Amino acid sequence: MLTVVIETKDDEEGLARTLASLVPGAVEGVVREVIVCDVGSTDQTHYVAEHAGCNYVAGGAADGIAKARGEWLLLLEPGARLLEGWADSVIAHAARMTMPARFSRSRASRQPFLSRAFSRPTALAEGLVITRRQATALCKSAKTAEAIARGLATKRLDGEIVVAPTGKA
């Protein structure tokens, strides 16, 4: 049902945290495949993906989306962690909607008002659940996961996410 696409560069630790949070979805049969799209890492990202059983693609998210087999895609940043119950919210969304969706931030990820007012979160901070058809169409003009997720009207899912730590370039 769901293909997870994670675009990464030099973030082996964040990738490991994200992959660990996907295990419940894989056990329930929601996650069918995980594609790690590596845009030039010099660390051990390749080995983390390999040991976790992910498909590894040397290229951007557009390359990973082209190889995806799931009808629905979940785009995540390395370091983001999905919390318990995320798979149920994705299943419910996929059963009744076709529009893209994002997860709700967990309480641990919510920033104070002034921090929110003066910072610009990434478009993938809350992940993105989107149909493969929609993502493929967006790949014609946007090649990175961030560019694909930017500016989309989305629905808010009940499932929660702990956003990836900021500060990586």
Protein backbone atom coordinates (compact mmCIF):
# COMPACT_ATOMS: atom_id res chain seq x y z
CA MET A 1 0.00 0.00 0.00
CA LEU A 2 2.61 2.57 1.07
CA THR A 3 6.09 3.34 -0.22
CA VAL A 4 8.23 5.51 2.04
CA VAL A 5 10.69 7.83 0.27
CA ILE A 6 13.46 9.44 2.30
CA GLU A 7 15.87 11.85 0.61
CA THR A 8 19.11 12.13 2.54
CA LYS A 9 22.63 13.48 2.47
CA ASP A 10 25.14 12.72 5.22
CA ASP A 11 22.52 11.86 7.84
CA GLU A 12 23.07 8.23 8.79
CA GLU A 13 21.95 8.72 12.42
CA GLY A 14 18.77 10.57 11.46
CA LEU A 15 17.99 7.93 8.86
CA ALA A 16 18.32 5.16 11.45
CA ARG A 17 15.90 6.97 13.81
CA THR A 18 13.36 7.45 11.03
CA LEU A 19 13.59 3.84 9.86
CA ALA A 20 13.07 2.59 13.42
CA SER A 21 9.80 4.53 13.67
CA LEU A 22 8.53 2.81 10.50
CA VAL A 23 8.77 -0.70 11.97
CA PRO A 24 5.19 -0.81 13.36
CA GLY A 25 3.84 0.14 9.93
CA ALA A 26 5.90 -2.59 8.29
CA VAL A 27 4.69 -5.17 10.81
CA GLU A 28 1.06 -4.18 10.13
CA GLY A 29 1.65 -4.47 6.37
CA VAL A 30 1.12 -0.78 5.68
CA VAL A 31 4.71 -0.09 4.61
CA ARG A 32 5.53 -2.22 1.58
CA GLU A 33 8.87 -0.67 0.66
CA VAL A 34 11.27 2.05 1.76
CA ILE A 35 13.37 3.90 -0.80
CA VAL A 36 16.36 5.91 0.44
CA CYS A 37 17.36 8.54 -2.11
CA ASP A 38 20.91 9.64 -1.45
CA VAL A 39 22.15 12.88 -2.96
CA GLY A 40 25.89 12.46 -2.40
CA SER A 41 26.47 11.29 1.16
CA THR A 42 30.03 10.75 2.33
CA ASP A 43 29.07 8.99 5.58
CA GLN A 44 27.61 5.48 6.09
CA THR A 45 24.09 6.28 4.85
CA HIS A 46 24.33 3.57 2.21
CA TYR A 47 25.09 0.90 4.82
CA VAL A 48 22.26 2.02 7.12
CA ALA A 49 19.80 1.75 4.24
CA GLU A 50 21.21 -1.60 3.12
CA HIS A 51 21.15 -3.17 6.59
CA ALA A 52 17.57 -2.01 7.15
CA GLY A 53 16.45 -3.68 3.92
CA CYS A 54 15.69 -0.45 2.07
CA ASN A 55 16.00 0.14 -1.65
CA TYR A 56 18.90 2.52 -2.16
CA VAL A 57 18.87 5.05 -5.01
CA ALA A 58 21.80 7.32 -5.77
CA GLY A 59 19.81 10.39 -6.76
CA GLY A 60 17.04 12.70 -5.65
CA ALA A 61 13.47 12.00 -4.59
CA ALA A 62 12.27 12.15 -8.19
CA ASP A 63 14.43 9.10 -8.95
CA GLY A 64 12.98 7.25 -5.96
CA ILE A 65 9.40 8.16 -6.84
CA ALA A 66 9.95 6.78 -10.34
CA LYS A 67 10.90 3.41 -8.79
CA ALA A 68 8.09 3.36 -6.19
CA ARG A 69 5.56 0.55 -6.42
CA GLY A 70 3.07 1.67 -3.78
CA GLU A 71 -0.11 3.51 -4.73
CA TRP A 72 0.51 5.97 -1.86
CA LEU A 73 3.86 7.56 -0.97
CA LEU A 74 5.11 8.89 2.34
CA LEU A 75 7.92 11.44 1.99
CA LEU A 76 9.94 12.01 5.16
CA GLU A 77 13.03 13.89 6.26
CA PRO A 78 15.80 11.82 7.86
CA GLY A 79 15.55 12.28 11.61
CA ALA A 80 11.75 12.63 11.71
CA ARG A 81 10.02 10.03 13.89
CA LEU A 82 6.45 8.88 13.48
CA LEU A 83 4.61 8.18 16.73
CA GLU A 84 2.32 5.31 17.66
CA GLY A 85 -0.89 5.22 15.63
CA TRP A 86 0.53 6.87 12.52
CA ALA A 87 -0.24 3.86 10.32
CA ASP A 88 -3.93 3.89 11.27
CA SER A 89 -4.27 7.56 10.30
CA VAL A 90 -2.63 6.89 6.91
CA ILE A 91 -4.92 3.91 6.25
CA ALA A 92 -8.00 5.96 7.12
CA HIS A 93 -6.85 8.84 4.92
CA ALA A 94 -6.06 6.62 1.93
CA ALA A 95 -9.46 4.93 2.16
CA ARG A 96 -11.44 8.15 1.79
CA MET A 97 -9.21 10.86 0.27
CA THR A 98 -7.01 11.49 -2.69
CA MET A 99 -5.53 14.81 -1.61
CA PRO A 100 -2.08 15.03 0.03
CA ALA A 101 -1.85 15.04 3.83
CA ARG A 102 0.65 15.89 6.56
CA PHE A 103 1.03 14.60 10.10
CA SER A 104 0.31 16.66 13.19
CA ARG A 105 3.34 17.79 15.19
CA SER A 106 3.74 16.05 18.50
CA ARG A 107 3.82 18.18 21.63
CA ALA A 108 7.58 17.62 21.82
CA SER A 109 7.97 19.23 18.38
CA ARG A 110 5.81 22.28 18.92
CA GLN A 111 7.81 25.46 19.11
CA PRO A 112 6.99 28.57 21.15
CA PHE A 113 5.03 31.25 19.30
CA LEU A 114 7.97 33.59 18.66
CA SER A 115 10.10 30.75 17.30
CA ARG A 116 7.32 29.79 14.92
CA ALA A 117 6.80 33.41 13.88
CA PHE A 118 10.46 34.01 12.99
CA SER A 119 11.46 30.66 11.53
CA ARG A 120 10.56 28.99 8.29
CA PRO A 121 9.95 25.27 8.66
CA THR A 122 10.81 22.95 5.82
CA ALA A 123 7.94 21.77 3.64
CA LEU A 124 8.66 18.18 4.71
CA ALA A 125 8.81 18.89 8.45
CA GLU A 126 5.47 17.12 9.00
CA GLY A 127 6.03 14.53 6.27
CA LEU A 128 3.85 14.22 3.20
CA VAL A 129 1.39 11.48 2.26
CA ILE A 130 0.59 11.71 -1.46
CA THR A 131 -0.56 9.42 -4.25
CA ARG A 132 2.13 8.13 -6.58
CA ARG A 133 0.28 9.68 -9.52
CA GLN A 134 0.31 13.15 -7.93
CA ALA A 135 3.96 12.86 -6.91
CA THR A 136 4.97 11.73 -10.39
CA ALA A 137 3.21 14.74 -11.91
CA LEU A 138 4.99 17.08 -9.46
CA CYS A 139 8.37 15.51 -10.30
CA LYS A 140 8.18 17.04 -13.76
CA SER A 141 8.85 20.47 -12.28
CA ALA A 142 10.42 19.61 -8.91
CA LYS A 143 13.25 17.13 -8.41
CA THR A 144 13.84 17.24 -4.63
CA ALA A 145 11.49 16.02 -1.91
CA GLU A 146 11.41 19.51 -0.40
CA ALA A 147 10.39 21.07 -3.73
CA ILE A 148 7.70 18.45 -4.27
CA ALA A 149 6.18 19.13 -0.84
CA ARG A 150 6.36 22.94 -1.04
CA GLY A 151 3.12 24.85 -1.59
CA LEU A 152 0.71 21.91 -1.57
CA ALA A 153 -2.74 22.20 -0.03
CA THR A 154 -2.93 19.31 2.42
CA LYS A 155 -5.21 17.71 4.96
CA ARG A 156 -4.03 17.28 8.56
CA LEU A 157 -3.75 13.67 9.78
CA ASP A 158 -4.44 12.55 13.35
CA GLY A 159 -1.13 10.68 13.44
CA GLU A 160 1.76 12.55 15.05
CA ILE A 161 5.35 13.18 14.05
CA VAL A 162 8.42 14.37 15.92
CA VAL A 163 10.09 16.63 13.38
CA ALA A 164 13.73 16.18 12.42
CA PRO A 165 16.18 18.26 14.41
CA THR A 166 17.19 21.44 12.62
CA GLY A 167 20.71 22.62 12.07
CA LYS A 168 21.87 20.24 9.35
CA ALA A 169 22.86 21.83 6.10
